[in-house]
Amino acid sequence: MTSLNLPLGPVMVDIQGGTLTDAERARLQHPLVGGVILFSRNFTDRAQLTALCAEINALRSPGLLITVDHEGGRVQRFQSDGFTHLPAMRALGKLFEENPEEAVTVAQAVGFILAAELRACGVDLSFTPVLDLDYGVSEVIGSRSFHRDPDIVTRLAESLIHGLEKAGMAACGKHFPGHGAVSVDSHVGVPVDDRYLNEILDEDVVPYRWLSGTLLSAVMPAHVIYPEVDHQPAGFSPHWLQRVLRRSLAYNGVIFSDDLSMEGASVAGGIVQRAQAALGAGCDMVLVCNDPDRADQLLAGLNYQMPELSRQRIQALKPNAFSMSWEELQDDEYYRYAQELRSRHFSTPAA
C-alpha cells in the first residue's frame, strides 16, 4: 500500500496488535482518520514499537498523530525493555507536601523521561497530565491525580509539562472540567456530578485556568454530566467546550473527545451520533477505541467537513524538534540527571 498525500481527519482509532493488518492499513488511510492511539497490546519491545510507528507514519503525508495513555503509575502502556517505571502522580503530590521545590524539580524530570523515551520510539503525544483533583472518591482517577489542592496540581502539572516540552512533546490536560469528584467510572457507567458551576470553577477548573493559555496544547473533556450546568456530558456540551473552555478560558488548543466507546458516552446515542455530538460541541478530534467494527461504522457513516483550524491545531501536535534515538538518550546529560532524581525518590514501580 502506497503512501497517500491526505490531510489529517477528525477521527482517532486504534489497532489490535504489534504489526498492521491489511484492514488496519486501509482504515488508517481513510480520509476521516487523523490519529492512532496505542495500547499495551501494541508493544512487545522497543524495536517492534519503533518499527510500528515508522510503518504508521509511512502510510500518509502528513503522518498520522501517534498517541498513547502513558501517565506513570498504573496507567503506563510500555513497561519493559528499558522503559522507565514512572511514579503515579499522587507520589509527586506527596513529595510536594514534604519538599515543594524538590517535587517541582522531580516533576519536570519525570515529564522529560516520559516524553523522551516515547519520542525515541516514534510516539508523538501522551495524553498527560491528569489535572483532576483527588477528592478521595474516584477509583478510576485515584493515584493518577497529583493532589486535592488545585494550586498544587497546577504547580506540579506545570513542571511536568516543562519536562515534556524539553523533550519536544506537547501536553494534553484531562479530564475537563474535572472527573475527581464522582465515584462512577465513566468507562462502565455514566457519572453525574451534582455540584454547582461556581464550585467547579473555583476548584477543578483552576489548573486549566492557569495552564490553558500557553502550556496546554490539548485538552480532553470528561464523560461526566454536571446537571446544574448542562444535561450533556462535558465532551458533548457546547456550554462547557465553547462558553467555558474556548471563551471564558480563552483556550485555543486541540480538544480531544474521550473514548466514544466508553459507557459514559452512551447518552449521546450510537457511535455516529456520539461523534457528531462531540464534534458539534467543539471537539477537534474524536477517539474510538477497542472496537474496530464500531470504528468502521463511524468512518462509513460520519458526514463531516473538518474545519481548517482543527486540522492546523492537530498538525501542530506533531513534534518539530529533533528526537534523540534510544542510544543517544542514554548518553544525554539531562536524561541521566532526571533518572538519578527519579530513582532517589521512587526506587520501585509506583502502584
Protein backbone atom coordinates (compact mmCIF):
# COMPACT_ATOMS: atom_id res chain seq x y z
CA MET A 1 0.00 0.00 0.00
CA THR A 2 1.48 3.32 -1.06
CA SER A 3 1.68 6.50 0.99
CA LEU A 4 -1.19 8.94 0.49
CA ASN A 5 -0.99 12.71 0.45
CA LEU A 6 -4.01 13.34 2.63
CA PRO A 7 -4.85 15.96 5.29
CA LEU A 8 -5.48 14.74 8.81
CA GLY A 9 -9.08 13.84 9.62
CA PRO A 10 -11.11 14.21 12.83
CA VAL A 11 -11.14 10.55 13.99
CA MET A 12 -8.53 8.70 16.07
CA VAL A 13 -8.62 4.90 16.01
CA ASP A 14 -6.54 2.07 17.43
CA ILE A 15 -5.01 -1.19 16.18
CA GLN A 16 -5.11 -4.69 17.58
CA GLY A 17 -1.53 -5.98 17.63
CA GLY A 18 2.15 -5.26 17.17
CA THR A 19 2.00 -5.01 13.40
CA LEU A 20 -0.59 -3.66 10.99
CA THR A 21 -3.04 -5.89 9.17
CA ASP A 22 -4.20 -5.04 5.65
CA ALA A 23 -7.58 -3.99 7.06
CA GLU A 24 -5.88 -1.67 9.54
CA ARG A 25 -3.71 -0.11 6.83
CA ALA A 26 -6.84 0.62 4.83
CA ARG A 27 -8.60 2.04 7.90
CA LEU A 28 -5.64 4.30 8.72
CA GLN A 29 -5.71 5.66 5.17
CA HIS A 30 -9.38 6.61 5.42
CA PRO A 31 -9.81 10.38 4.87
CA LEU A 32 -11.60 10.81 8.19
CA VAL A 33 -8.74 9.32 10.22
CA GLY A 34 -6.17 11.67 11.70
CA GLY A 35 -4.53 9.74 14.51
CA VAL A 36 -3.77 6.41 16.18
CA ILE A 37 -3.78 5.56 19.88
CA LEU A 38 -1.56 2.70 21.06
CA PHE A 39 -2.13 0.33 23.98
CA SER A 40 -0.08 -2.27 25.87
CA ARG A 41 -1.19 -4.91 23.38
CA ASN A 42 0.68 -3.00 20.66
CA PHE A 43 4.02 -3.26 22.49
CA THR A 44 6.45 -6.17 22.55
CA ASP A 45 9.77 -4.36 22.73
CA ARG A 46 11.33 -1.08 21.66
CA ALA A 47 12.45 -2.29 18.24
CA GLN A 48 8.94 -3.55 17.44
CA LEU A 49 7.33 -0.31 18.69
CA THR A 50 9.73 1.83 16.66
CA ALA A 51 9.04 -0.22 13.53
CA LEU A 52 5.28 0.00 14.11
CA CYS A 53 5.39 3.80 14.47
CA ALA A 54 7.53 4.09 11.33
CA GLU A 55 5.04 1.95 9.40
CA ILE A 56 2.13 4.09 10.58
CA ASN A 57 3.96 7.28 9.65
CA ALA A 58 4.76 5.95 6.18
CA LEU A 59 1.10 5.41 5.31
CA ARG A 60 0.28 9.07 4.82
CA SER A 61 1.71 12.53 4.38
CA PRO A 62 1.44 14.32 6.72
CA GLY A 63 1.89 11.39 9.10
CA LEU A 64 -0.90 10.43 11.45
CA LEU A 65 -0.66 11.65 15.04
CA ILE A 66 0.58 8.68 17.11
CA THR A 67 -0.56 8.81 20.74
CA VAL A 68 -0.71 6.74 23.93
CA ASP A 69 -2.01 6.95 27.50
CA HIS A 70 1.36 6.85 29.26
CA GLU A 71 0.99 8.78 32.51
CA GLY A 72 3.01 6.80 35.04
CA GLY A 73 1.81 4.59 37.89
CA ARG A 74 -0.91 2.16 36.86
CA VAL A 75 -1.52 3.91 33.53
CA GLN A 76 1.74 3.28 31.68
CA ARG A 77 1.37 1.26 28.50
CA PHE A 78 5.03 0.40 27.91
CA GLN A 79 6.81 -1.05 30.94
CA SER A 80 9.66 -3.25 29.75
CA ASP A 81 12.73 -3.34 27.51
CA GLY A 82 14.25 -0.25 29.06
CA PHE A 83 11.18 1.92 29.56
CA THR A 84 11.43 3.63 32.94
CA HIS A 85 8.83 2.79 35.57
CA LEU A 86 7.34 6.21 36.25
CA PRO A 87 5.68 7.13 39.55
CA ALA A 88 1.97 7.72 39.90
CA MET A 89 1.27 11.44 40.04
CA ARG A 90 -0.01 11.08 43.60
CA ALA A 91 3.57 10.23 44.62
CA LEU A 92 4.69 13.62 43.32
CA GLY A 93 1.91 15.27 45.31
CA LYS A 94 3.05 13.54 48.50
CA LEU A 95 6.62 14.65 47.81
CA PHE A 96 5.33 18.20 47.38
CA GLU A 97 3.86 18.12 50.87
CA GLU A 98 7.33 17.29 52.24
CA ASN A 99 9.52 19.37 49.93
CA PRO A 100 7.75 21.58 47.36
CA GLU A 101 10.84 22.73 45.49
CA GLU A 102 12.23 19.22 45.18
CA ALA A 103 8.85 17.94 43.98
CA VAL A 104 8.70 20.59 41.27
CA THR A 105 12.20 19.63 40.09
CA VAL A 106 11.37 15.92 40.10
CA ALA A 107 8.10 16.50 38.23
CA GLN A 108 9.99 18.13 35.37
CA ALA A 109 12.46 15.24 35.33
CA VAL A 110 9.61 12.71 35.19
CA GLY A 111 7.99 14.60 32.32
CA PHE A 112 11.23 14.61 30.37
CA ILE A 113 11.83 10.89 30.86
CA LEU A 114 8.26 10.09 29.86
CA ALA A 115 8.37 12.13 26.66
CA ALA A 116 11.96 11.44 25.61
CA GLU A 117 11.53 7.66 25.81
CA LEU A 118 8.29 7.74 23.83
CA ARG A 119 9.71 10.07 21.20
CA ALA A 120 12.79 7.88 20.78
CA CYS A 121 10.41 5.16 19.59
CA GLY A 122 8.28 7.36 17.34
CA VAL A 123 5.30 8.22 19.58
CA ASP A 124 4.19 11.84 19.16
CA LEU A 125 1.94 12.53 22.16
CA SER A 126 0.98 11.09 25.52
CA PHE A 127 -2.44 12.01 26.91
CA THR A 128 -0.99 13.53 30.07
CA PRO A 129 -1.12 15.16 32.60
CA VAL A 130 -4.24 14.29 34.59
CA LEU A 131 -5.50 17.56 36.10
CA ASP A 132 -8.38 16.04 38.07
CA LEU A 133 -8.42 16.79 41.79
CA ASP A 134 -8.18 13.87 44.22
CA TYR A 135 -11.38 14.07 46.26
CA GLY A 136 -10.81 10.52 47.52
CA VAL A 137 -13.97 9.13 45.87
CA SER A 138 -12.92 8.21 42.32
CA GLU A 139 -11.17 4.86 41.92
CA VAL A 140 -10.62 5.36 38.19
CA ILE A 141 -8.73 8.61 38.92
CA GLY A 142 -7.27 7.87 42.35
CA SER A 143 -3.46 7.89 42.30
CA ARG A 144 -3.46 9.36 38.79
CA SER A 145 -4.21 12.73 40.40
CA PHE A 146 -1.40 14.89 41.77
CA HIS A 147 -3.36 16.17 44.76
CA ARG A 148 -6.63 17.52 46.17
CA ASP A 149 -5.34 21.10 46.22
CA PRO A 150 -5.80 22.73 42.78
CA ASP A 151 -2.81 25.02 43.32
CA ILE A 152 -0.52 22.03 43.98
CA VAL A 153 -1.95 20.25 40.95
CA THR A 154 -1.22 23.34 38.87
CA ARG A 155 2.38 23.69 40.05
CA LEU A 156 3.26 20.04 39.55
CA ALA A 157 1.48 19.81 36.21
CA GLU A 158 3.27 22.93 35.02
CA SER A 159 6.63 21.41 35.88
CA LEU A 160 5.80 18.06 34.30
CA ILE A 161 4.71 19.89 31.14
CA HIS A 162 8.01 21.76 31.05
CA GLY A 163 9.69 18.35 31.09
CA LEU A 164 7.54 17.16 28.21
CA GLU A 165 8.39 20.33 26.29
CA LYS A 166 12.11 19.86 26.94
CA ALA A 167 11.82 16.54 25.09
CA GLY A 168 9.77 18.13 22.30
CA MET A 169 6.34 16.76 23.26
CA ALA A 170 3.07 18.64 23.74
CA ALA A 171 0.75 18.14 26.72
CA CYS A 172 -2.90 17.13 27.00
CA GLY A 173 -4.73 18.03 30.21
CA LYS A 174 -7.61 15.79 31.25
CA HIS A 175 -10.47 15.35 32.13
CA PHE A 176 -12.03 18.82 31.79
CA PRO A 177 -13.65 20.26 33.86
CA GLY A 178 -12.91 17.51 36.42
CA HIS A 179 -13.55 13.79 36.97
CA GLY A 180 -12.28 13.51 40.53
CA ALA A 181 -15.48 14.26 42.47
CA VAL A 182 -17.56 11.33 41.17
CA SER A 183 -17.26 7.68 42.16
CA VAL A 184 -18.69 6.18 38.96
CA ASP A 185 -16.10 5.10 36.38
CA SER A 186 -17.09 6.59 33.01
CA HIS A 187 -15.68 3.51 31.27
CA VAL A 188 -18.55 1.44 32.65
CA GLY A 189 -21.19 3.95 33.78
CA VAL A 190 -22.50 7.48 33.39
CA PRO A 191 -21.08 9.66 36.18
CA VAL A 192 -23.17 12.58 37.45
CA ASP A 193 -21.61 15.46 39.40
CA ASP A 194 -24.32 17.49 41.14
CA ARG A 195 -22.14 20.43 42.16
CA TYR A 196 -22.90 23.98 41.09
CA LEU A 197 -20.89 25.73 38.39
CA ASN A 198 -19.14 28.18 40.72
CA GLU A 199 -17.80 25.38 42.91
CA ILE A 200 -16.37 23.56 39.89
CA LEU A 201 -14.86 26.78 38.53
CA ASP A 202 -13.31 27.65 41.89
CA GLU A 203 -11.81 24.18 42.37
CA ASP A 204 -11.49 21.77 39.45
CA VAL A 205 -11.06 24.33 36.67
CA VAL A 206 -8.22 26.18 38.40
CA PRO A 207 -5.41 24.17 36.72
CA TYR A 208 -6.96 24.79 33.30
CA ARG A 209 -7.31 28.49 34.02
CA TRP A 210 -3.59 28.81 34.75
CA LEU A 211 -2.23 26.35 32.19
CA SER A 212 -4.51 26.61 29.18
CA GLY A 213 -3.12 29.86 27.84
CA THR A 214 0.38 28.72 26.90
CA LEU A 215 1.20 25.27 28.25
CA LEU A 216 -1.72 23.01 27.34
CA SER A 217 -1.63 22.19 23.64
CA ALA A 218 -4.59 19.83 24.07
CA VAL A 219 -7.46 19.19 26.47
CA MET A 220 -9.67 16.12 26.88
CA PRO A 221 -13.11 16.65 28.46
CA ALA A 222 -14.77 14.20 30.83
CA HIS A 223 -17.68 11.87 30.10
CA VAL A 224 -19.33 13.33 33.21
CA ILE A 225 -22.72 15.06 33.41
CA TYR A 226 -22.91 18.22 35.52
CA PRO A 227 -26.72 18.68 35.59
CA GLU A 228 -26.57 22.09 37.31
CA VAL A 229 -24.70 23.29 34.20
CA ASP A 230 -25.82 21.09 31.28
CA HIS A 231 -27.68 17.82 30.80
CA GLN A 232 -24.99 16.53 28.42
CA PRO A 233 -21.59 15.15 29.46
CA ALA A 234 -18.89 17.81 29.17
CA GLY A 235 -17.46 16.29 25.99
CA PHE A 236 -20.79 16.76 24.22
CA SER A 237 -21.62 20.14 25.75
CA PRO A 238 -21.26 23.41 23.81
CA HIS A 239 -21.64 25.17 27.15
CA TRP A 240 -18.54 23.53 28.62
CA LEU A 241 -16.44 23.46 25.46
CA GLN A 242 -17.44 26.74 23.81
CA ARG A 243 -18.67 29.04 26.55
CA VAL A 244 -16.35 27.96 29.38
CA LEU A 245 -13.24 26.48 27.73
CA ARG A 246 -12.99 28.45 24.49
CA ARG A 247 -14.47 31.79 25.55
CA SER A 248 -14.12 32.16 29.31
CA LEU A 249 -10.69 30.49 29.49
CA ALA A 250 -9.65 31.74 26.02
CA TYR A 251 -8.39 28.27 25.14
CA ASN A 252 -7.26 27.80 21.53
CA GLY A 253 -5.62 24.36 21.52
CA VAL A 254 -6.90 20.94 20.47
CA ILE A 255 -9.96 19.47 22.15
CA PHE A 256 -9.99 15.67 22.02
CA SER A 257 -13.06 13.68 22.97
CA ASP A 258 -12.52 10.90 25.47
CA ASP A 259 -13.10 7.42 24.02
CA LEU A 260 -16.56 7.37 22.43
CA SER A 261 -16.81 3.63 23.09
CA MET A 262 -16.98 4.25 26.85
CA GLU A 263 -20.30 3.83 28.63
CA GLY A 264 -20.16 7.45 29.74
CA ALA A 265 -20.63 8.45 26.09
CA SER A 266 -23.68 6.24 25.56
CA VAL A 267 -26.15 9.01 26.42
CA ALA A 268 -25.35 10.65 23.06
CA GLY A 269 -26.71 7.70 21.03
CA GLY A 270 -24.96 5.40 18.54
CA ILE A 271 -21.34 5.81 17.54
CA VAL A 272 -22.09 8.17 14.63
CA GLN A 273 -24.38 10.28 16.81
CA ARG A 274 -21.73 10.38 19.54
CA ALA A 275 -19.11 11.65 17.10
CA GLN A 276 -21.47 14.21 15.61
CA ALA A 277 -22.41 15.46 19.08
CA ALA A 278 -18.77 15.74 20.21
CA LEU A 279 -17.62 17.48 17.03
CA GLY A 280 -20.68 19.72 17.04
CA ALA A 281 -19.99 20.72 20.64
CA GLY A 282 -16.47 21.81 19.78
CA CYS A 283 -14.13 18.80 19.78
CA ASP A 284 -11.44 18.86 17.09
CA MET A 285 -10.88 15.10 17.12
CA VAL A 286 -12.85 12.12 18.47
CA LEU A 287 -11.46 8.81 19.75
CA VAL A 288 -12.91 5.35 19.12
CA CYS A 289 -11.02 2.62 20.94
CA ASN A 290 -11.15 -1.15 21.40
CA ASP A 291 -13.96 -1.71 18.89
CA PRO A 292 -12.78 -1.88 15.25
CA ASP A 293 -16.24 -2.71 13.95
CA ARG A 294 -17.65 0.39 15.60
CA ALA A 295 -14.74 2.43 14.23
CA ASP A 296 -15.56 1.23 10.72
CA GLN A 297 -19.23 2.05 11.31
CA LEU A 298 -18.25 5.59 12.27
CA LEU A 299 -15.97 6.05 9.26
CA ALA A 300 -18.72 4.80 6.96
CA GLY A 301 -21.48 6.92 8.49
CA LEU A 302 -19.91 10.21 9.56
CA ASN A 303 -20.60 13.14 7.23
CA TYR A 304 -18.37 15.92 8.49
CA GLN A 305 -16.40 18.74 6.91
CA MET A 306 -13.44 19.31 9.19
CA PRO A 307 -12.60 22.97 9.83
CA GLU A 308 -9.17 24.00 8.65
CA LEU A 309 -8.43 25.42 12.10
CA SER A 310 -8.95 21.98 13.64
CA ARG A 311 -6.51 20.47 11.13
CA GLN A 312 -3.93 23.10 11.98
CA ARG A 313 -4.34 22.55 15.71
CA ILE A 314 -3.89 18.80 15.37
CA GLN A 315 -0.97 19.11 12.97
CA ALA A 316 0.75 21.39 15.49
CA LEU A 317 0.85 18.49 17.98
CA LYS A 318 3.27 16.59 15.74
CA PRO A 319 6.73 17.26 17.20
CA ASN A 320 9.01 19.51 15.19
CA ALA A 321 12.06 19.28 17.43
CA PHE A 322 14.86 16.78 16.94
CA SER A 323 14.24 13.42 18.61
CA MET A 324 17.14 11.53 20.16
CA SER A 325 17.50 7.84 19.42
CA TRP A 326 17.33 5.48 22.39
CA GLU A 327 21.11 5.10 22.34
CA GLU A 328 21.66 8.86 22.21
CA LEU A 329 19.18 9.30 25.04
CA GLN A 330 21.21 7.08 27.36
CA ASP A 331 24.17 9.43 26.96
CA ASP A 332 22.16 12.63 27.36
CA GLU A 333 23.26 14.59 30.42
CA TYR A 334 19.81 15.76 31.47
CA TYR A 335 18.29 12.30 30.97
CA ARG A 336 20.90 10.80 33.29
CA TYR A 337 20.25 13.57 35.82
CA ALA A 338 16.49 13.03 35.55
CA GLN A 339 16.92 9.30 36.12
CA GLU A 340 19.01 9.96 39.21
CA LEU A 341 16.32 12.27 40.59
CA ARG A 342 13.57 9.75 39.90
CA SER A 343 15.45 6.82 41.45
CA ARG A 344 16.34 8.91 44.52
CA HIS A 345 12.65 9.25 45.38
CA PHE A 346 10.94 6.37 43.56
CA SER A 347 13.21 3.36 43.51
CA THR A 348 10.38 0.87 42.93
CA PRO A 349 7.47 0.93 40.48
CA ALA A 350 4.61 3.06 41.81
CA ALA A 351 1.20 1.46 42.31
